[in-house]
Amino acid sequence: MKTYQIHFIRHGITDGNLQGQYIGSKDIPLNDYGIERIQFLDENYVYPGAAAYFTSPMQRCKQTLSLIYPNAKPIEIDAFRECDFGEFEGLTADDLKDSKEFAEWLASGGTVAPPSGESGVDFGRRVCQAFERIVEALMKTGIPSAVVVAHGGTIMTILAQYGLPEAKMSEWGMDPGCGYSVRIHPQLWSSARKVEVYQTLPLPKENDDEPDNLLHQSEYFVVDAQISEETLGENSGGQDTEE
């Protein structure tokens, strides 16, 4: 039976990553190092091509996609935006350590929204709904593969909800410019709403006998994993995904 592939890539490094800030709805670009790092990965490793390309509308994602796939014409998926951190946008945990609202938000496991922001439950629901629409569209049209450039929280939410092997959201962390490929088996999808996670990205070139594990080489994935687990909730993607 025909299968389908989706390649998830996290956007490159921004100043917000370097400073440990909560950056969700704030539309910041890649910094110079982020651009150089994506170019380095693209030159020294292999990113798979695809028949369709999707991206979060945030410029850090669109920049990343254009650096790796300069000839692609991506479709922007608004629902793949990162969680909206509301009044906590642009601030660090240290900035917020004396905030009662911040403490309540952390303790809620994703059920409470930050002031003027979005709860982890609502974030997980919109991301999962969008992912399911893409899967169904691929199978309906017969398009065999797609690339999705999005945010760490977005990708981890999808993999925690649908990925096999099953793992907690925080265990699907990845460095900027890295990601995962999933394979969709129509029968498995129809019966269990699950996808096979079969490789990490980017791929080594053919002459690399012992490729480095790029997923977790920096502190940035640790920061994102902590933000995702504490503020979005491990089960944020596990809510009802019906529209």
C-alpha atoms as a PDB file:
ATOM      1  CA  MET A   1       0.000   0.000   0.000  1.00  0.00           C
ATOM      2  CA  LYS A   2       1.214   3.494  -0.826  1.00  0.00           C
ATOM      3  CA  THR A   3       2.722   5.487   2.043  1.00  0.00           C
ATOM      4  CA  TYR A   4       3.292   9.205   2.504  1.00  0.00           C
ATOM      5  CA  GLN A   5       6.164  11.151   4.078  1.00  0.00           C
ATOM      6  CA  ILE A   6       6.229  14.438   5.966  1.00  0.00           C
ATOM      7  CA  HIS A   7       9.563  16.007   6.899  1.00  0.00           C
ATOM      8  CA  PHE A   8       9.427  18.363   9.888  1.00  0.00           C
ATOM      9  CA  ILE A   9      12.173  20.988  10.274  1.00  0.00           C
ATOM     10  CA  ARG A  10      12.471  23.435  13.134  1.00  0.00           C
ATOM     11  CA  HIS A  11      13.331  27.037  12.194  1.00  0.00           C
ATOM     12  CA  GLY A  12      16.825  28.436  12.716  1.00  0.00           C
ATOM     13  CA  ILE A  13      18.187  30.328  15.711  1.00  0.00           C
ATOM     14  CA  THR A  14      16.818  33.735  16.707  1.00  0.00           C
ATOM     15  CA  ASP A  15      17.887  36.263  19.293  1.00  0.00           C
ATOM     16  CA  GLY A  16      14.999  35.014  21.417  1.00  0.00           C
ATOM     17  CA  ASN A  17      16.516  31.512  21.459  1.00  0.00           C
ATOM     18  CA  LEU A  18      19.861  32.872  22.572  1.00  0.00           C
ATOM     19  CA  GLN A  19      18.280  34.916  25.355  1.00  0.00           C
ATOM     20  CA  GLY A  20      15.919  32.190  26.585  1.00  0.00           C
ATOM     21  CA  GLN A  21      12.818  34.270  25.934  1.00  0.00           C
ATOM     22  CA  TYR A  22       9.250  33.121  25.479  1.00  0.00           C
ATOM     23  CA  ILE A  23       8.737  33.830  21.783  1.00  0.00           C
ATOM     24  CA  GLY A  24       5.482  32.652  20.249  1.00  0.00           C
ATOM     25  CA  SER A  25       3.391  35.247  18.445  1.00  0.00           C
ATOM     26  CA  LYS A  26       6.238  37.761  18.304  1.00  0.00           C
ATOM     27  CA  ASP A  27       7.419  37.732  14.694  1.00  0.00           C
ATOM     28  CA  ILE A  28      11.189  37.914  14.941  1.00  0.00           C
ATOM     29  CA  PRO A  29      13.657  36.948  12.180  1.00  0.00           C
ATOM     30  CA  LEU A  30      16.626  34.623  12.243  1.00  0.00           C
ATOM     31  CA  ASN A  31      19.742  36.301  13.541  1.00  0.00           C
ATOM     32  CA  ASP A  32      23.033  36.249  11.617  1.00  0.00           C
ATOM     33  CA  TYR A  33      24.240  33.121  13.384  1.00  0.00           C
ATOM     34  CA  GLY A  34      20.903  31.431  12.698  1.00  0.00           C
ATOM     35  CA  ILE A  35      21.260  32.116   8.980  1.00  0.00           C
ATOM     36  CA  GLU A  36      24.874  30.914   8.944  1.00  0.00           C
ATOM     37  CA  ARG A  37      23.958  27.754  10.853  1.00  0.00           C
ATOM     38  CA  ILE A  38      21.185  26.824   8.413  1.00  0.00           C
ATOM     39  CA  GLN A  39      23.549  27.443   5.503  1.00  0.00           C
ATOM     40  CA  PHE A  40      26.184  25.248   7.171  1.00  0.00           C
ATOM     41  CA  LEU A  41      23.713  22.417   7.707  1.00  0.00           C
ATOM     42  CA  ASP A  42      22.438  22.691   4.141  1.00  0.00           C
ATOM     43  CA  GLU A  43      25.967  22.564   2.724  1.00  0.00           C
ATOM     44  CA  ASN A  44      27.230  19.709   4.884  1.00  0.00           C
ATOM     45  CA  TYR A  45      24.142  17.546   5.326  1.00  0.00           C
ATOM     46  CA  VAL A  46      21.101  16.592   3.272  1.00  0.00           C
ATOM     47  CA  TYR A  47      17.567  17.890   3.630  1.00  0.00           C
ATOM     48  CA  PRO A  48      15.061  15.758   1.699  1.00  0.00           C
ATOM     49  CA  GLY A  49      13.014  17.358  -1.022  1.00  0.00           C
ATOM     50  CA  ALA A  50       9.263  16.947  -1.314  1.00  0.00           C
ATOM     51  CA  ALA A  51       6.288  17.453  -3.593  1.00  0.00           C
ATOM     52  CA  ALA A  52       4.681  20.063  -1.320  1.00  0.00           C
ATOM     53  CA  TYR A  53       5.987  22.618   1.166  1.00  0.00           C
ATOM     54  CA  PHE A  54       4.242  24.119   4.188  1.00  0.00           C
ATOM     55  CA  THR A  55       5.415  26.695   6.697  1.00  0.00           C
ATOM     56  CA  SER A  56       4.296  28.655   9.705  1.00  0.00           C
ATOM     57  CA  PRO A  57       3.613  32.266   8.641  1.00  0.00           C
ATOM     58  CA  MET A  58       6.281  33.549  11.036  1.00  0.00           C
ATOM     59  CA  GLN A  59       9.292  35.027   9.255  1.00  0.00           C
ATOM     60  CA  ARG A  60      11.772  32.840  11.151  1.00  0.00           C
ATOM     61  CA  CYS A  61      10.128  29.792   9.566  1.00  0.00           C
ATOM     62  CA  LYS A  62       9.732  31.299   6.111  1.00  0.00           C
ATOM     63  CA  GLN A  63      13.390  32.383   6.132  1.00  0.00           C
ATOM     64  CA  THR A  64      14.525  28.910   7.124  1.00  0.00           C
ATOM     65  CA  LEU A  65      12.512  27.276   4.364  1.00  0.00           C
ATOM     66  CA  SER A  66      13.779  29.712   1.732  1.00  0.00           C
ATOM     67  CA  LEU A  67      17.399  29.093   2.757  1.00  0.00           C
ATOM     68  CA  ILE A  68      17.049  25.323   2.432  1.00  0.00           C
ATOM     69  CA  TYR A  69      14.594  25.209  -0.464  1.00  0.00           C
ATOM     70  CA  PRO A  70      15.091  28.440  -2.453  1.00  0.00           C
ATOM     71  CA  ASN A  71      12.897  27.290  -5.338  1.00  0.00           C
ATOM     72  CA  ALA A  72       9.982  26.073  -3.243  1.00  0.00           C
ATOM     73  CA  LYS A  73       6.634  27.837  -3.229  1.00  0.00           C
ATOM     74  CA  PRO A  74       5.371  27.095   0.269  1.00  0.00           C
ATOM     75  CA  ILE A  75       1.837  27.275   1.566  1.00  0.00           C
ATOM     76  CA  GLU A  76       1.551  29.162   4.840  1.00  0.00           C
ATOM     77  CA  ILE A  77      -0.409  27.358   7.555  1.00  0.00           C
ATOM     78  CA  ASP A  78      -1.548  29.866  10.163  1.00  0.00           C
ATOM     79  CA  ALA A  79      -2.408  27.108  12.658  1.00  0.00           C
ATOM     80  CA  PHE A  80       1.259  26.026  12.744  1.00  0.00           C
ATOM     81  CA  ARG A  81       2.223  29.212  14.606  1.00  0.00           C
ATOM     82  CA  GLU A  82       3.941  28.741  17.971  1.00  0.00           C
ATOM     83  CA  CYS A  83       1.857  29.106  21.129  1.00  0.00           C
ATOM     84  CA  ASP A  84       0.881  32.715  21.880  1.00  0.00           C
ATOM     85  CA  PHE A  85       2.499  33.566  25.210  1.00  0.00           C
ATOM     86  CA  GLY A  86       0.528  36.794  25.592  1.00  0.00           C
ATOM     87  CA  GLU A  87       1.999  39.224  28.101  1.00  0.00           C
ATOM     88  CA  PHE A  88       4.933  36.860  28.659  1.00  0.00           C
ATOM     89  CA  GLU A  89       6.175  37.335  25.092  1.00  0.00           C
ATOM     90  CA  GLY A  90       9.786  38.455  24.918  1.00  0.00           C
ATOM     91  CA  LEU A  91      10.399  37.780  28.622  1.00  0.00           C
ATOM     92  CA  THR A  92      12.480  35.093  30.310  1.00  0.00           C
ATOM     93  CA  ALA A  93      11.598  32.877  33.250  1.00  0.00           C
ATOM     94  CA  ASP A  94      13.922  34.996  35.352  1.00  0.00           C
ATOM     95  CA  ASP A  95      12.053  38.152  34.315  1.00  0.00           C
ATOM     96  CA  LEU A  96       8.820  36.511  35.449  1.00  0.00           C
ATOM     97  CA  LYS A  97       9.981  34.763  38.605  1.00  0.00           C
ATOM     98  CA  ASP A  98       7.990  37.088  40.890  1.00  0.00           C
ATOM     99  CA  SER A  99       4.808  37.019  38.799  1.00  0.00           C
ATOM    100  CA  LYS A 100       1.791  35.303  40.357  1.00  0.00           C
ATOM    101  CA  GLU A 101       0.228  34.812  36.921  1.00  0.00           C
ATOM    102  CA  PHE A 102       3.399  33.157  35.654  1.00  0.00           C
ATOM    103  CA  ALA A 103       3.474  30.725  38.583  1.00  0.00           C
ATOM    104  CA  GLU A 104      -0.190  29.832  38.044  1.00  0.00           C
ATOM    105  CA  TRP A 105       0.433  29.301  34.343  1.00  0.00           C
ATOM    106  CA  LEU A 106       3.368  26.963  34.984  1.00  0.00           C
ATOM    107  CA  ALA A 107       1.416  24.996  37.580  1.00  0.00           C
ATOM    108  CA  SER A 108      -1.626  24.526  35.353  1.00  0.00           C
ATOM    109  CA  GLY A 109      -0.105  21.970  33.001  1.00  0.00           C
ATOM    110  CA  GLY A 110      -1.346  23.819  29.945  1.00  0.00           C
ATOM    111  CA  THR A 111      -4.947  24.411  31.005  1.00  0.00           C
ATOM    112  CA  VAL A 112      -4.498  28.093  31.941  1.00  0.00           C
ATOM    113  CA  ALA A 113      -3.639  30.722  29.333  1.00  0.00           C
ATOM    114  CA  PRO A 114      -1.088  33.439  30.057  1.00  0.00           C
ATOM    115  CA  PRO A 115      -2.617  36.927  30.278  1.00  0.00           C
ATOM    116  CA  SER A 116      -3.836  37.866  26.772  1.00  0.00           C
ATOM    117  CA  GLY A 117      -2.369  34.619  25.473  1.00  0.00           C
ATOM    118  CA  GLU A 118      -3.259  31.057  24.529  1.00  0.00           C
ATOM    119  CA  SER A 119      -3.531  27.952  26.704  1.00  0.00           C
ATOM    120  CA  GLY A 120      -1.523  24.861  25.899  1.00  0.00           C
ATOM    121  CA  VAL A 121      -4.776  22.970  25.374  1.00  0.00           C
ATOM    122  CA  ASP A 122      -5.978  25.433  22.726  1.00  0.00           C
ATOM    123  CA  PHE A 123      -2.540  25.467  21.110  1.00  0.00           C
ATOM    124  CA  GLY A 124      -2.446  21.686  20.900  1.00  0.00           C
ATOM    125  CA  ARG A 125      -5.949  21.507  19.465  1.00  0.00           C
ATOM    126  CA  ARG A 126      -5.293  23.954  16.597  1.00  0.00           C
ATOM    127  CA  VAL A 127      -1.939  22.373  15.713  1.00  0.00           C
ATOM    128  CA  CYS A 128      -3.361  18.851  15.656  1.00  0.00           C
ATOM    129  CA  GLN A 129      -6.363  19.868  13.602  1.00  0.00           C
ATOM    130  CA  ALA A 130      -4.071  21.443  10.999  1.00  0.00           C
ATOM    131  CA  PHE A 131      -1.818  18.384  10.893  1.00  0.00           C
ATOM    132  CA  GLU A 132      -4.756  16.062  10.375  1.00  0.00           C
ATOM    133  CA  ARG A 133      -6.008  18.223   7.500  1.00  0.00           C
ATOM    134  CA  ILE A 134      -2.608  17.979   5.795  1.00  0.00           C
ATOM    135  CA  VAL A 135      -2.464  14.194   6.209  1.00  0.00           C
ATOM    136  CA  GLU A 136      -5.955  13.795   4.798  1.00  0.00           C
ATOM    137  CA  ALA A 137      -5.122  16.118   1.892  1.00  0.00           C
ATOM    138  CA  LEU A 138      -1.993  14.132   0.984  1.00  0.00           C
ATOM    139  CA  MET A 139      -3.907  10.864   0.940  1.00  0.00           C
ATOM    140  CA  LYS A 140      -6.836  12.338  -0.979  1.00  0.00           C
ATOM    141  CA  THR A 141      -4.691  13.923  -3.688  1.00  0.00           C
ATOM    142  CA  GLY A 142      -1.990  11.246  -3.807  1.00  0.00           C
ATOM    143  CA  ILE A 143       0.790  13.767  -3.164  1.00  0.00           C
ATOM    144  CA  PRO A 144       3.526  11.510  -1.752  1.00  0.00           C
ATOM    145  CA  SER A 145       5.571  13.876   0.402  1.00  0.00           C
ATOM    146  CA  ALA A 146       5.686  17.238   2.133  1.00  0.00           C
ATOM    147  CA  VAL A 147       8.063  19.428   4.099  1.00  0.00           C
ATOM    148  CA  VAL A 148       6.798  21.378   7.115  1.00  0.00           C
ATOM    149  CA  VAL A 149       8.987  24.142   8.561  1.00  0.00           C
ATOM    150  CA  ALA A 150       7.605  25.186  11.912  1.00  0.00           C
ATOM    151  CA  HIS A 151       8.405  25.835  15.569  1.00  0.00           C
ATOM    152  CA  GLY A 152       9.791  23.484  18.189  1.00  0.00           C
ATOM    153  CA  GLY A 153       6.559  23.482  20.179  1.00  0.00           C
ATOM    154  CA  THR A 154       4.483  22.821  17.073  1.00  0.00           C
ATOM    155  CA  ILE A 155       6.560  19.850  15.951  1.00  0.00           C
ATOM    156  CA  MET A 156       6.852  18.345  19.432  1.00  0.00           C
ATOM    157  CA  THR A 157       3.091  18.627  19.917  1.00  0.00           C
ATOM    158  CA  ILE A 158       2.411  16.727  16.688  1.00  0.00           C
ATOM    159  CA  LEU A 159       4.916  13.971  17.425  1.00  0.00           C
ATOM    160  CA  ALA A 160       3.738  13.527  21.016  1.00  0.00           C
ATOM    161  CA  GLN A 161       0.176  13.085  19.805  1.00  0.00           C
ATOM    162  CA  TYR A 162       0.681  10.995  16.662  1.00  0.00           C
ATOM    163  CA  GLY A 163       4.231   9.628  16.626  1.00  0.00           C
ATOM    164  CA  LEU A 164       5.350   6.014  16.928  1.00  0.00           C
ATOM    165  CA  PRO A 165       7.332   5.149  18.942  1.00  0.00           C
ATOM    166  CA  GLU A 166       5.270   6.955  21.537  1.00  0.00           C
ATOM    167  CA  ALA A 167       7.129   9.476  23.692  1.00  0.00           C
ATOM    168  CA  LYS A 168       6.401  12.480  25.865  1.00  0.00           C
ATOM    169  CA  MET A 169       6.420  15.890  24.255  1.00  0.00           C
ATOM    170  CA  SER A 170       9.705  16.905  25.877  1.00  0.00           C
ATOM    171  CA  GLU A 171      11.426  13.815  24.446  1.00  0.00           C
ATOM    172  CA  TRP A 172      10.846  15.032  20.894  1.00  0.00           C
ATOM    173  CA  GLY A 173      13.118  18.067  21.321  1.00  0.00           C
ATOM    174  CA  MET A 174      15.378  19.168  18.478  1.00  0.00           C
ATOM    175  CA  ASP A 175      17.948  21.844  17.765  1.00  0.00           C
ATOM    176  CA  PRO A 176      17.201  24.706  15.353  1.00  0.00           C
ATOM    177  CA  GLY A 177      17.480  23.493  11.759  1.00  0.00           C
ATOM    178  CA  CYS A 178      16.888  19.888  12.774  1.00  0.00           C
ATOM    179  CA  GLY A 179      13.816  17.711  12.788  1.00  0.00           C
ATOM    180  CA  TYR A 180      12.180  14.387  12.030  1.00  0.00           C
ATOM    181  CA  SER A 181      10.629  12.502   9.130  1.00  0.00           C
ATOM    182  CA  VAL A 182       7.388  10.590   9.548  1.00  0.00           C
ATOM    183  CA  ARG A 183       5.819   7.939   7.349  1.00  0.00           C
ATOM    184  CA  ILE A 184       2.051   7.727   7.054  1.00  0.00           C
ATOM    185  CA  HIS A 185       0.591   4.270   6.512  1.00  0.00           C
ATOM    186  CA  PRO A 186      -3.043   4.814   5.474  1.00  0.00           C
ATOM    187  CA  GLN A 187      -4.350   1.763   7.331  1.00  0.00           C
ATOM    188  CA  LEU A 188      -2.534   2.689  10.544  1.00  0.00           C
ATOM    189  CA  TRP A 189      -3.684   6.283  10.222  1.00  0.00           C
ATOM    190  CA  SER A 190      -7.306   5.273   9.685  1.00  0.00           C
ATOM    191  CA  SER A 191      -7.352   2.829  12.589  1.00  0.00           C
ATOM    192  CA  ALA A 192      -5.187   4.544  15.206  1.00  0.00           C
ATOM    193  CA  ARG A 193      -4.334   8.087  14.024  1.00  0.00           C
ATOM    194  CA  LYS A 194      -0.614   7.280  14.327  1.00  0.00           C
ATOM    195  CA  VAL A 195       2.434   7.876  12.098  1.00  0.00           C
ATOM    196  CA  GLU A 196       5.842   6.196  12.020  1.00  0.00           C
ATOM    197  CA  VAL A 197       8.772   8.438  12.975  1.00  0.00           C
ATOM    198  CA  TYR A 198      11.578   6.860  10.957  1.00  0.00           C
ATOM    199  CA  GLN A 199      14.539   9.266  10.768  1.00  0.00           C
ATOM    200  CA  THR A 200      16.064  12.465  12.097  1.00  0.00           C
ATOM    201  CA  LEU A 201      17.019  15.469   9.972  1.00  0.00           C
ATOM    202  CA  PRO A 202      19.171  16.646   8.353  1.00  0.00           C
ATOM    203  CA  LEU A 203      20.596  13.461   6.889  1.00  0.00           C
ATOM    204  CA  PRO A 204      24.310  12.676   6.612  1.00  0.00           C
ATOM    205  CA  LYS A 205      25.888  12.770   3.195  1.00  0.00           C
ATOM    206  CA  GLU A 206      26.596   9.378   1.682  1.00  0.00           C
ATOM    207  CA  ASN A 207      30.313   9.489   2.506  1.00  0.00           C
ATOM    208  CA  ASP A 208      29.749  10.157   6.224  1.00  0.00           C
ATOM    209  CA  ASP A 209      30.233   6.815   7.978  1.00  0.00           C
ATOM    210  CA  GLU A 210      29.428   8.012  11.499  1.00  0.00           C
ATOM    211  CA  PRO A 211      27.211  11.083  11.369  1.00  0.00           C
ATOM    212  CA  ASP A 212      26.842  13.312  14.389  1.00  0.00           C
ATOM    213  CA  ASN A 213      23.535  13.374  16.217  1.00  0.00           C
ATOM    214  CA  LEU A 214      22.536  16.934  15.422  1.00  0.00           C
ATOM    215  CA  LEU A 215      19.230  16.914  17.256  1.00  0.00           C
ATOM    216  CA  HIS A 216      20.572  17.762  20.684  1.00  0.00           C
ATOM    217  CA  GLN A 217      23.919  19.497  20.279  1.00  0.00           C
ATOM    218  CA  SER A 218      23.029  22.792  21.962  1.00  0.00           C
ATOM    219  CA  GLU A 219      21.196  24.216  24.925  1.00  0.00           C
ATOM    220  CA  TYR A 220      18.388  25.547  22.749  1.00  0.00           C
ATOM    221  CA  PHE A 221      16.515  22.260  22.634  1.00  0.00           C
ATOM    222  CA  VAL A 222      16.736  22.029  26.428  1.00  0.00           C
ATOM    223  CA  VAL A 223      15.129  25.460  26.807  1.00  0.00           C
ATOM    224  CA  ASP A 224      12.347  24.535  24.396  1.00  0.00           C
ATOM    225  CA  ALA A 225      11.709  21.202  26.069  1.00  0.00           C
ATOM    226  CA  GLN A 226      11.364  22.903  29.433  1.00  0.00           C
ATOM    227  CA  ILE A 227       9.037  25.559  28.022  1.00  0.00           C
ATOM    228  CA  SER A 228       6.909  22.945  26.280  1.00  0.00           C
ATOM    229  CA  GLU A 229       6.605  20.544  29.199  1.00  0.00           C
ATOM    230  CA  GLU A 230       5.964  23.131  31.884  1.00  0.00           C
ATOM    231  CA  THR A 231       3.759  25.601  30.040  1.00  0.00           C
ATOM    232  CA  LEU A 232       2.006  23.671  27.294  1.00  0.00           C
ATOM    233  CA  GLY A 233       1.485  20.464  29.239  1.00  0.00           C
ATOM    234  CA  GLU A 234       2.564  16.987  28.178  1.00  0.00           C
ATOM    235  CA  ASN A 235      -0.954  16.236  26.976  1.00  0.00           C
ATOM    236  CA  SER A 236      -1.632  19.494  25.150  1.00  0.00           C
ATOM    237  CA  GLY A 237      -1.920  17.681  21.844  1.00  0.00           C
ATOM    238  CA  GLY A 238      -4.070  14.925  23.232  1.00  0.00           C
ATOM    239  CA  GLN A 239      -7.326  16.801  23.277  1.00  0.00           C
ATOM    240  CA  ASP A 240     -10.276  16.289  20.960  1.00  0.00           C
ATOM    241  CA  THR A 241      -9.047  17.259  17.495  1.00  0.00           C
ATOM    242  CA  GLU A 242     -12.401  17.350  15.786  1.00  0.00           C
ATOM    243  CA  GLU A 243     -13.216  20.671  14.175  1.00  0.00           C
END
